[in-house]
Amino acid sequence: MAKGADVVQYDPGLRRIYVACSSGFISVFQADDSGACPEDRGFSVERKVHSLAVDVNTHRVYAPEEEEQGRPVARMVVFDAQMPRQPGQQ
């Protein structure tokens, strides 16, 4: 997991855990049928993202950003979740 983990959110529909990391990354863990949650993928965001929210109906992830390349900003970024891979898919 990326450094600076701050907030954990769970999307029960996708069985996915999101962890906002202030180092500039959101780690994503996909629960499998055994209940294990290996890190599946993640994505970069601006540094200092200390929070996030998951809309369990749309599966969108919302993250407030307070800086862009070191300059102050106040904005909400929205990420559309990709559906989980099926067994055997790349």
PDB file of N, CA and C in Angstrom:
ATOM      1  N   MET A   1       0.855  -1.168   0.000  1.00  0.00           N
ATOM      2  CA  MET A   1       0.000   0.000   0.000  1.00  0.00           C
ATOM      3  C   MET A   1       0.901   1.231   0.000  1.00  0.00           C
ATOM      4  N   ALA A   2       0.408   2.288  -0.610  1.00  0.00           N
ATOM      5  CA  ALA A   2       1.166   3.541  -0.656  1.00  0.00           C
ATOM      6  C   ALA A   2       1.310   4.130   0.741  1.00  0.00           C
ATOM      7  N   LYS A   3       2.309   4.976   0.929  1.00  0.00           N
ATOM      8  CA  LYS A   3       2.553   5.600   2.233  1.00  0.00           C
ATOM      9  C   LYS A   3       1.491   6.643   2.547  1.00  0.00           C
ATOM     10  N   GLY A   4       1.247   6.846   3.832  1.00  0.00           N
ATOM     11  CA  GLY A   4       0.365   7.917   4.287  1.00  0.00           C
ATOM     12  C   GLY A   4      -1.107   7.565   4.266  1.00  0.00           C
ATOM     13  N   ALA A   5      -1.450   6.308   4.501  1.00  0.00           N
ATOM     14  CA  ALA A   5      -2.860   5.898   4.488  1.00  0.00           C
ATOM     15  C   ALA A   5      -3.646   6.686   5.533  1.00  0.00           C
ATOM     16  N   ASP A   6      -4.737   7.304   5.101  1.00  0.00           N
ATOM     17  CA  ASP A   6      -5.548   8.150   5.977  1.00  0.00           C
ATOM     18  C   ASP A   6      -6.957   7.621   6.189  1.00  0.00           C
ATOM     19  N   VAL A   7      -7.635   7.279   5.106  1.00  0.00           N
ATOM     20  CA  VAL A   7      -9.058   6.943   5.174  1.00  0.00           C
ATOM     21  C   VAL A   7      -9.314   5.676   4.374  1.00  0.00           C
ATOM     22  N   VAL A   8     -10.169   4.811   4.917  1.00  0.00           N
ATOM     23  CA  VAL A   8     -10.550   3.575   4.244  1.00  0.00           C
ATOM     24  C   VAL A   8     -12.052   3.619   4.001  1.00  0.00           C
ATOM     25  N   GLN A   9     -12.478   3.285   2.781  1.00  0.00           N
ATOM     26  CA  GLN A   9     -13.896   3.197   2.434  1.00  0.00           C
ATOM     27  C   GLN A   9     -14.133   1.869   1.725  1.00  0.00           C
ATOM     28  N   TYR A  10     -15.336   1.319   1.909  1.00  0.00           N
ATOM     29  CA  TYR A  10     -15.688   0.026   1.326  1.00  0.00           C
ATOM     30  C   TYR A  10     -16.900   0.172   0.423  1.00  0.00           C
ATOM     31  N   ASP A  11     -16.812  -0.414  -0.769  1.00  0.00           N
ATOM     32  CA  ASP A  11     -17.940  -0.472  -1.694  1.00  0.00           C
ATOM     33  C   ASP A  11     -18.458  -1.910  -1.669  1.00  0.00           C
ATOM     34  N   PRO A  12     -19.581  -2.168  -0.963  1.00  0.00           N
ATOM     35  CA  PRO A  12     -20.066  -3.540  -0.840  1.00  0.00           C
ATOM     36  C   PRO A  12     -20.539  -4.144  -2.161  1.00  0.00           C
ATOM     37  N   GLY A  13     -21.017  -3.312  -3.078  1.00  0.00           N
ATOM     38  CA  GLY A  13     -21.494  -3.828  -4.357  1.00  0.00           C
ATOM     39  C   GLY A  13     -20.377  -4.410  -5.206  1.00  0.00           C
ATOM     40  N   LEU A  14     -19.220  -3.764  -5.184  1.00  0.00           N
ATOM     41  CA  LEU A  14     -18.065  -4.246  -5.938  1.00  0.00           C
ATOM     42  C   LEU A  14     -17.108  -5.051  -5.068  1.00  0.00           C
ATOM     43  N   ARG A  15     -17.387  -5.099  -3.747  1.00  0.00           N
ATOM     44  CA  ARG A  15     -16.512  -5.768  -2.786  1.00  0.00           C
ATOM     45  C   ARG A  15     -15.087  -5.238  -2.910  1.00  0.00           C
ATOM     46  N   ARG A  16     -14.996  -3.918  -2.886  1.00  0.00           N
ATOM     47  CA  ARG A  16     -13.727  -3.246  -3.105  1.00  0.00           C
ATOM     48  C   ARG A  16     -13.442  -2.283  -1.956  1.00  0.00           C
ATOM     49  N   ILE A  17     -12.192  -2.253  -1.517  1.00  0.00           N
ATOM     50  CA  ILE A  17     -11.744  -1.355  -0.457  1.00  0.00           C
ATOM     51  C   ILE A  17     -10.839  -0.298  -1.081  1.00  0.00           C
ATOM     52  N   TYR A  18     -11.086   0.960  -0.748  1.00  0.00           N
ATOM     53  CA  TYR A  18     -10.286   2.085  -1.226  1.00  0.00           C
ATOM     54  C   TYR A  18      -9.585   2.719  -0.030  1.00  0.00           C
ATOM     55  N   VAL A  19      -8.299   3.027  -0.195  1.00  0.00           N
ATOM     56  CA  VAL A  19      -7.526   3.660   0.870  1.00  0.00           C
ATOM     57  C   VAL A  19      -6.890   4.927   0.312  1.00  0.00           C
ATOM     58  N   ALA A  20      -7.290   6.099   0.849  1.00  0.00           N
ATOM     59  CA  ALA A  20      -6.694   7.378   0.443  1.00  0.00           C
ATOM     60  C   ALA A  20      -5.356   7.521   1.154  1.00  0.00           C
ATOM     61  N   CYS A  21      -4.307   7.798   0.389  1.00  0.00           N
ATOM     62  CA  CYS A  21      -2.957   7.938   0.940  1.00  0.00           C
ATOM     63  C   CYS A  21      -2.439   9.340   0.631  1.00  0.00           C
ATOM     64  N   SER A  22      -2.017  10.040   1.659  1.00  0.00           N
ATOM     65  CA  SER A  22      -1.596  11.431   1.482  1.00  0.00           C
ATOM     66  C   SER A  22      -0.343  11.563   0.626  1.00  0.00           C
ATOM     67  N   SER A  23       0.308  10.455   0.316  1.00  0.00           N
ATOM     68  CA  SER A  23       1.486  10.488  -0.548  1.00  0.00           C
ATOM     69  C   SER A  23       1.117  10.689  -2.019  1.00  0.00           C
ATOM     70  N   GLY A  24      -0.183  10.685  -2.332  1.00  0.00           N
ATOM     71  CA  GLY A  24      -0.615  10.936  -3.703  1.00  0.00           C
ATOM     72  C   GLY A  24      -1.100   9.701  -4.435  1.00  0.00           C
ATOM     73  N   PHE A  25      -1.779   8.819  -3.720  1.00  0.00           N
ATOM     74  CA  PHE A  25      -2.227   7.573  -4.338  1.00  0.00           C
ATOM     75  C   PHE A  25      -3.471   7.076  -3.614  1.00  0.00           C
ATOM     76  N   ILE A  26      -4.357   6.432  -4.340  1.00  0.00           N
ATOM     77  CA  ILE A  26      -5.469   5.719  -3.736  1.00  0.00           C
ATOM     78  C   ILE A  26      -5.250   4.244  -4.038  1.00  0.00           C
ATOM     79  N   SER A  27      -5.019   3.463  -2.976  1.00  0.00           N
ATOM     80  CA  SER A  27      -4.827   2.020  -3.122  1.00  0.00           C
ATOM     81  C   SER A  27      -6.191   1.346  -3.196  1.00  0.00           C
ATOM     82  N   VAL A  28      -6.275   0.297  -4.008  1.00  0.00           N
ATOM     83  CA  VAL A  28      -7.535  -0.418  -4.203  1.00  0.00           C
ATOM     84  C   VAL A  28      -7.303  -1.903  -3.947  1.00  0.00           C
ATOM     85  N   PHE A  29      -8.181  -2.481  -3.123  1.00  0.00           N
ATOM     86  CA  PHE A  29      -8.117  -3.898  -2.796  1.00  0.00           C
ATOM     87  C   PHE A  29      -9.442  -4.534  -3.187  1.00  0.00           C
ATOM     88  N   GLN A  30      -9.375  -5.650  -3.910  1.00  0.00           N
ATOM     89  CA  GLN A  30     -10.567  -6.357  -4.368  1.00  0.00           C
ATOM     90  C   GLN A  30     -10.742  -7.618  -3.548  1.00  0.00           C
ATOM     91  N   ALA A  31     -11.842  -7.722  -2.800  1.00  0.00           N
ATOM     92  CA  ALA A  31     -12.111  -8.928  -2.014  1.00  0.00           C
ATOM     93  C   ALA A  31     -12.490 -10.066  -2.949  1.00  0.00           C
ATOM     94  N   ASP A  32     -11.920 -11.232  -2.701  1.00  0.00           N
ATOM     95  CA  ASP A  32     -12.289 -12.398  -3.512  1.00  0.00           C
ATOM     96  C   ASP A  32     -13.241 -13.288  -2.710  1.00  0.00           C
ATOM     97  N   ASP A  33     -13.615 -14.407  -3.274  1.00  0.00           N
ATOM     98  CA  ASP A  33     -14.597 -15.280  -2.631  1.00  0.00           C
ATOM     99  C   ASP A  33     -14.134 -15.841  -1.293  1.00  0.00           C
ATOM    100  N   SER A  34     -12.824 -15.899  -1.089  1.00  0.00           N
ATOM    101  CA  SER A  34     -12.309 -16.426   0.173  1.00  0.00           C
ATOM    102  C   SER A  34     -12.288 -15.356   1.269  1.00  0.00           C
ATOM    103  N   GLY A  35     -12.546 -14.104   0.871  1.00  0.00           N
ATOM    104  CA  GLY A  35     -12.476 -13.008   1.828  1.00  0.00           C
ATOM    105  C   GLY A  35     -11.122 -12.324   1.840  1.00  0.00           C
ATOM    106  N   ALA A  36     -10.162 -12.878   1.099  1.00  0.00           N
ATOM    107  CA  ALA A  36      -8.842 -12.251   0.997  1.00  0.00           C
ATOM    108  C   ALA A  36      -8.957 -10.963   0.180  1.00  0.00           C
ATOM    109  N   CYS A  37      -8.088 -10.015   0.481  1.00  0.00           N
ATOM    110  CA  CYS A  37      -8.125  -8.724  -0.199  1.00  0.00           C
ATOM    111  C   CYS A  37      -6.739  -8.326  -0.697  1.00  0.00           C
ATOM    112  N   PRO A  38      -6.201  -9.042  -1.672  1.00  0.00           N
ATOM    113  CA  PRO A  38      -4.900  -8.630  -2.198  1.00  0.00           C
ATOM    114  C   PRO A  38      -5.037  -7.290  -2.924  1.00  0.00           C
ATOM    115  N   GLU A  39      -3.949  -6.502  -2.916  1.00  0.00           N
ATOM    116  CA  GLU A  39      -4.016  -5.227  -3.627  1.00  0.00           C
ATOM    117  C   GLU A  39      -4.207  -5.526  -5.098  1.00  0.00           C
ATOM    118  N   ASP A  40      -5.212  -4.928  -5.681  1.00  0.00           N
ATOM    119  CA  ASP A  40      -5.577  -5.187  -7.066  1.00  0.00           C
ATOM    120  C   ASP A  40      -4.956  -4.144  -7.985  1.00  0.00           C
ATOM    121  N   ARG A  41      -5.157  -2.907  -7.633  1.00  0.00           N
ATOM    122  CA  ARG A  41      -4.643  -1.795  -8.430  1.00  0.00           C
ATOM    123  C   ARG A  41      -4.836  -0.530  -7.611  1.00  0.00           C
ATOM    124  N   GLY A  42      -4.414   0.531  -8.133  1.00  0.00           N
ATOM    125  CA  GLY A  42      -4.592   1.822  -7.494  1.00  0.00           C
ATOM    126  C   GLY A  42      -4.409   2.900  -8.539  1.00  0.00           C
ATOM    127  N   PHE A  43      -4.500   4.125  -8.109  1.00  0.00           N
ATOM    128  CA  PHE A  43      -4.321   5.211  -9.060  1.00  0.00           C
ATOM    129  C   PHE A  43      -3.772   6.442  -8.353  1.00  0.00           C
ATOM    130  N   SER A  44      -3.070   7.251  -9.127  1.00  0.00           N
ATOM    131  CA  SER A  44      -2.445   8.459  -8.602  1.00  0.00           C
ATOM    132  C   SER A  44      -3.455   9.579  -8.460  1.00  0.00           C
ATOM    133  N   VAL A  45      -3.258  10.357  -7.414  1.00  0.00           N
ATOM    134  CA  VAL A  45      -4.012  11.597  -7.189  1.00  0.00           C
ATOM    135  C   VAL A  45      -2.998  12.629  -6.716  1.00  0.00           C
ATOM    136  N   GLU A  46      -3.446  13.846  -6.527  1.00  0.00           N
ATOM    137  CA  GLU A  46      -2.549  14.857  -5.980  1.00  0.00           C
ATOM    138  C   GLU A  46      -2.162  14.483  -4.554  1.00  0.00           C
ATOM    139  N   ARG A  47      -1.028  14.962  -4.114  1.00  0.00           N
ATOM    140  CA  ARG A  47      -0.598  14.732  -2.734  1.00  0.00           C
ATOM    141  C   ARG A  47      -1.585  15.377  -1.772  1.00  0.00           C
ATOM    142  N   LYS A  48      -1.573  14.899  -0.561  1.00  0.00           N
ATOM    143  CA  LYS A  48      -2.403  15.416   0.529  1.00  0.00           C
ATOM    144  C   LYS A  48      -3.895  15.126   0.358  1.00  0.00           C
ATOM    145  N   VAL A  49      -4.244  14.056  -0.333  1.00  0.00           N
ATOM    146  CA  VAL A  49      -5.644  13.626  -0.361  1.00  0.00           C
ATOM    147  C   VAL A  49      -5.865  12.842   0.934  1.00  0.00           C
ATOM    148  N   HIS A  50      -6.566  13.461   1.880  1.00  0.00           N
ATOM    149  CA  HIS A  50      -6.743  12.879   3.208  1.00  0.00           C
ATOM    150  C   HIS A  50      -8.118  12.265   3.413  1.00  0.00           C
ATOM    151  N   SER A  51      -8.929  12.231   2.367  1.00  0.00           N
ATOM    152  CA  SER A  51     -10.288  11.743   2.531  1.00  0.00           C
ATOM    153  C   SER A  51     -10.784  11.195   1.201  1.00  0.00           C
ATOM    154  N   LEU A  52     -11.842  10.421   1.261  1.00  0.00           N
ATOM    155  CA  LEU A  52     -12.544   9.994   0.057  1.00  0.00           C
ATOM    156  C   LEU A  52     -13.904   9.471   0.469  1.00  0.00           C
ATOM    157  N   ALA A  53     -14.771   9.396  -0.509  1.00  0.00           N
ATOM    158  CA  ALA A  53     -16.117   8.856  -0.284  1.00  0.00           C
ATOM    159  C   ALA A  53     -16.464   7.970  -1.474  1.00  0.00           C
ATOM    160  N   VAL A  54     -17.246   6.929  -1.204  1.00  0.00           N
ATOM    161  CA  VAL A  54     -17.676   6.010  -2.248  1.00  0.00           C
ATOM    162  C   VAL A  54     -19.191   6.067  -2.325  1.00  0.00           C
ATOM    163  N   ASP A  55     -19.726   6.293  -3.519  1.00  0.00           N
ATOM    164  CA  ASP A  55     -21.166   6.229  -3.748  1.00  0.00           C
ATOM    165  C   ASP A  55     -21.486   4.774  -4.079  1.00  0.00           C
ATOM    166  N   VAL A  56     -22.162   4.086  -3.179  1.00  0.00           N
ATOM    167  CA  VAL A  56     -22.422   2.654  -3.366  1.00  0.00           C
ATOM    168  C   VAL A  56     -23.438   2.371  -4.470  1.00  0.00           C
ATOM    169  N   ASN A  57     -24.149   3.387  -4.930  1.00  0.00           N
ATOM    170  CA  ASN A  57     -25.096   3.195  -6.029  1.00  0.00           C
ATOM    171  C   ASN A  57     -24.422   3.306  -7.395  1.00  0.00           C
ATOM    172  N   THR A  58     -23.539   4.283  -7.555  1.00  0.00           N
ATOM    173  CA  THR A  58     -22.874   4.496  -8.842  1.00  0.00           C
ATOM    174  C   THR A  58     -21.468   3.921  -8.873  1.00  0.00           C
ATOM    175  N   HIS A  59     -20.930   3.589  -7.696  1.00  0.00           N
ATOM    176  CA  HIS A  59     -19.569   3.066  -7.521  1.00  0.00           C
ATOM    177  C   HIS A  59     -18.508   4.119  -7.841  1.00  0.00           C
ATOM    178  N   ARG A  60     -18.893   5.378  -7.873  1.00  0.00           N
ATOM    179  CA  ARG A  60     -17.920   6.451  -8.087  1.00  0.00           C
ATOM    180  C   ARG A  60     -17.173   6.731  -6.789  1.00  0.00           C
ATOM    181  N   VAL A  61     -15.923   7.140  -6.948  1.00  0.00           N
ATOM    182  CA  VAL A  61     -15.076   7.499  -5.815  1.00  0.00           C
ATOM    183  C   VAL A  61     -14.829   9.009  -5.886  1.00  0.00           C
ATOM    184  N   TYR A  62     -15.098   9.696  -4.793  1.00  0.00           N
ATOM    185  CA  TYR A  62     -14.928  11.148  -4.698  1.00  0.00           C
ATOM    186  C   TYR A  62     -13.759  11.445  -3.769  1.00  0.00           C
ATOM    187  N   ALA A  63     -12.860  12.323  -4.213  1.00  0.00           N
ATOM    188  CA  ALA A  63     -11.705  12.683  -3.392  1.00  0.00           C
ATOM    189  C   ALA A  63     -11.473  14.188  -3.481  1.00  0.00           C
ATOM    190  N   PRO A  64     -11.458  14.881  -2.339  1.00  0.00           N
ATOM    191  CA  PRO A  64     -11.159  16.312  -2.353  1.00  0.00           C
ATOM    192  C   PRO A  64      -9.653  16.542  -2.462  1.00  0.00           C
ATOM    193  N   GLU A  65      -9.270  17.438  -3.355  1.00  0.00           N
ATOM    194  CA  GLU A  65      -7.858  17.799  -3.496  1.00  0.00           C
ATOM    195  C   GLU A  65      -7.653  19.204  -2.942  1.00  0.00           C
ATOM    196  N   GLU A  66      -6.554  19.379  -2.208  1.00  0.00           N
ATOM    197  CA  GLU A  66      -6.257  20.687  -1.626  1.00  0.00           C
ATOM    198  C   GLU A  66      -5.048  21.351  -2.265  1.00  0.00           C
ATOM    199  N   GLU A  67      -4.376  20.633  -3.166  1.00  0.00           N
ATOM    200  CA  GLU A  67      -3.277  21.251  -3.885  1.00  0.00           C
ATOM    201  C   GLU A  67      -3.096  20.580  -5.240  1.00  0.00           C
ATOM    202  N   GLU A  68      -2.517  21.342  -6.161  1.00  0.00           N
ATOM    203  CA  GLU A  68      -2.176  20.830  -7.485  1.00  0.00           C
ATOM    204  C   GLU A  68      -0.757  21.273  -7.774  1.00  0.00           C
ATOM    205  N   GLN A  69       0.139  20.321  -7.904  1.00  0.00           N
ATOM    206  CA  GLN A  69       1.559  20.587  -8.122  1.00  0.00           C
ATOM    207  C   GLN A  69       2.091  21.606  -7.103  1.00  0.00           C
ATOM    208  N   GLY A  70       1.694  21.443  -5.845  1.00  0.00           N
ATOM    209  CA  GLY A  70       2.179  22.283  -4.767  1.00  0.00           C
ATOM    210  C   GLY A  70       1.447  23.598  -4.562  1.00  0.00           C
ATOM    211  N   ARG A  71       0.486  23.905  -5.427  1.00  0.00           N
ATOM    212  CA  ARG A  71      -0.285  25.155  -5.291  1.00  0.00           C
ATOM    213  C   ARG A  71      -1.657  24.854  -4.694  1.00  0.00           C
ATOM    214  N   PRO A  72      -2.163  25.746  -3.837  1.00  0.00           N
ATOM    215  CA  PRO A  72      -3.470  25.506  -3.215  1.00  0.00           C
ATOM    216  C   PRO A  72      -4.617  25.483  -4.233  1.00  0.00           C
ATOM    217  N   VAL A  73      -5.502  24.516  -4.067  1.00  0.00           N
ATOM    218  CA  VAL A  73      -6.745  24.434  -4.833  1.00  0.00           C
ATOM    219  C   VAL A  73      -7.816  23.878  -3.895  1.00  0.00           C
ATOM    220  N   ALA A  74      -9.037  24.011  -4.315  1.00  0.00           N
ATOM    221  CA  ALA A  74     -10.154  23.396  -3.588  1.00  0.00           C
ATOM    222  C   ALA A  74     -11.065  22.794  -4.644  1.00  0.00           C
ATOM    223  N   ARG A  75     -10.956  21.493  -4.829  1.00  0.00           N
ATOM    224  CA  ARG A  75     -11.788  20.840  -5.839  1.00  0.00           C
ATOM    225  C   ARG A  75     -12.047  19.396  -5.450  1.00  0.00           C
ATOM    226  N   MET A  76     -13.117  18.891  -6.004  1.00  0.00           N
ATOM    227  CA  MET A  76     -13.494  17.495  -5.811  1.00  0.00           C
ATOM    228  C   MET A  76     -13.240  16.769  -7.132  1.00  0.00           C
ATOM    229  N   VAL A  77     -12.500  15.685  -7.073  1.00  0.00           N
ATOM    230  CA  VAL A  77     -12.294  14.872  -8.264  1.00  0.00           C
ATOM    231  C   VAL A  77     -13.142  13.613  -8.128  1.00  0.00           C
ATOM    232  N   VAL A  78     -13.631  13.134  -9.261  1.00  0.00           N
ATOM    233  CA  VAL A  78     -14.536  11.984  -9.279  1.00  0.00           C
ATOM    234  C   VAL A  78     -13.939  10.922 -10.198  1.00  0.00           C
ATOM    235  N   PHE A  79     -13.894   9.703  -9.698  1.00  0.00           N
ATOM    236  CA  PHE A  79     -13.356   8.587 -10.460  1.00  0.00           C
ATOM    237  C   PHE A  79     -14.452   7.548 -10.655  1.00  0.00           C
ATOM    238  N   ASP A  80     -14.639   7.093 -11.890  1.00  0.00           N
ATOM    239  CA  ASP A  80     -15.573   6.013 -12.179  1.00  0.00           C
ATOM    240  C   ASP A  80     -14.857   4.686 -11.955  1.00  0.00           C
ATOM    241  N   ALA A  81     -15.465   3.811 -11.194  1.00  0.00           N
ATOM    242  CA  ALA A  81     -14.870   2.506 -10.909  1.00  0.00           C
ATOM    243  C   ALA A  81     -14.968   1.608 -12.129  1.00  0.00           C
ATOM    244  N   GLN A  82     -13.918   0.850 -12.364  1.00  0.00           N
ATOM    245  CA  GLN A  82     -13.972  -0.185 -13.386  1.00  0.00           C
ATOM    246  C   GLN A  82     -14.516  -1.437 -12.735  1.00  0.00           C
ATOM    247  N   MET A  83     -15.255  -2.188 -13.484  1.00  0.00           N
ATOM    248  CA  MET A  83     -15.824  -3.414 -12.942  1.00  0.00           C
ATOM    249  C   MET A  83     -14.705  -4.419 -12.677  1.00  0.00           C
ATOM    250  N   PRO A  84     -14.864  -5.261 -11.671  1.00  0.00           N
ATOM    251  CA  PRO A  84     -13.838  -6.257 -11.350  1.00  0.00           C
ATOM    252  C   PRO A  84     -13.614  -7.206 -12.527  1.00  0.00           C
ATOM    253  N   ARG A  85     -12.379  -7.657 -12.664  1.00  0.00           N
ATOM    254  CA  ARG A  85     -12.053  -8.647 -13.702  1.00  0.00           C
ATOM    255  C   ARG A  85     -12.655  -9.988 -13.323  1.00  0.00           C
ATOM    256  N   GLN A  86     -13.090 -10.701 -14.318  1.00  0.00           N
ATOM    257  CA  GLN A  86     -13.588 -12.061 -14.103  1.00  0.00           C
ATOM    258  C   GLN A  86     -12.391 -13.014 -14.102  1.00  0.00           C
ATOM    259  N   PRO A  87     -12.512 -14.160 -13.453  1.00  0.00           N
ATOM    260  CA  PRO A  87     -11.401 -15.110 -13.452  1.00  0.00           C
ATOM    261  C   PRO A  87     -10.946 -15.427 -14.875  1.00  0.00           C
ATOM    262  N   GLY A  88      -9.624 -15.399 -15.078  1.00  0.00           N
ATOM    263  CA  GLY A  88      -9.065 -15.681 -16.394  1.00  0.00           C
ATOM    264  C   GLY A  88      -8.915 -14.464 -17.271  1.00  0.00           C
ATOM    265  N   GLN A  89      -9.480 -13.301 -16.888  1.00  0.00           N
ATOM    266  CA  GLN A  89      -9.338 -12.080 -17.674  1.00  0.00           C
ATOM    267  C   GLN A  89      -8.037 -11.388 -17.333  1.00  0.00           C
ATOM    268  N   GLN A  90      -7.497 -10.663 -18.260  1.00  0.00           N
ATOM    269  CA  GLN A  90      -6.304  -9.825 -18.024  1.00  0.00           C
ATOM    270  C   GLN A  90      -6.721  -8.423 -17.742  1.00  0.00           C
TER     271      GLN A  90
END
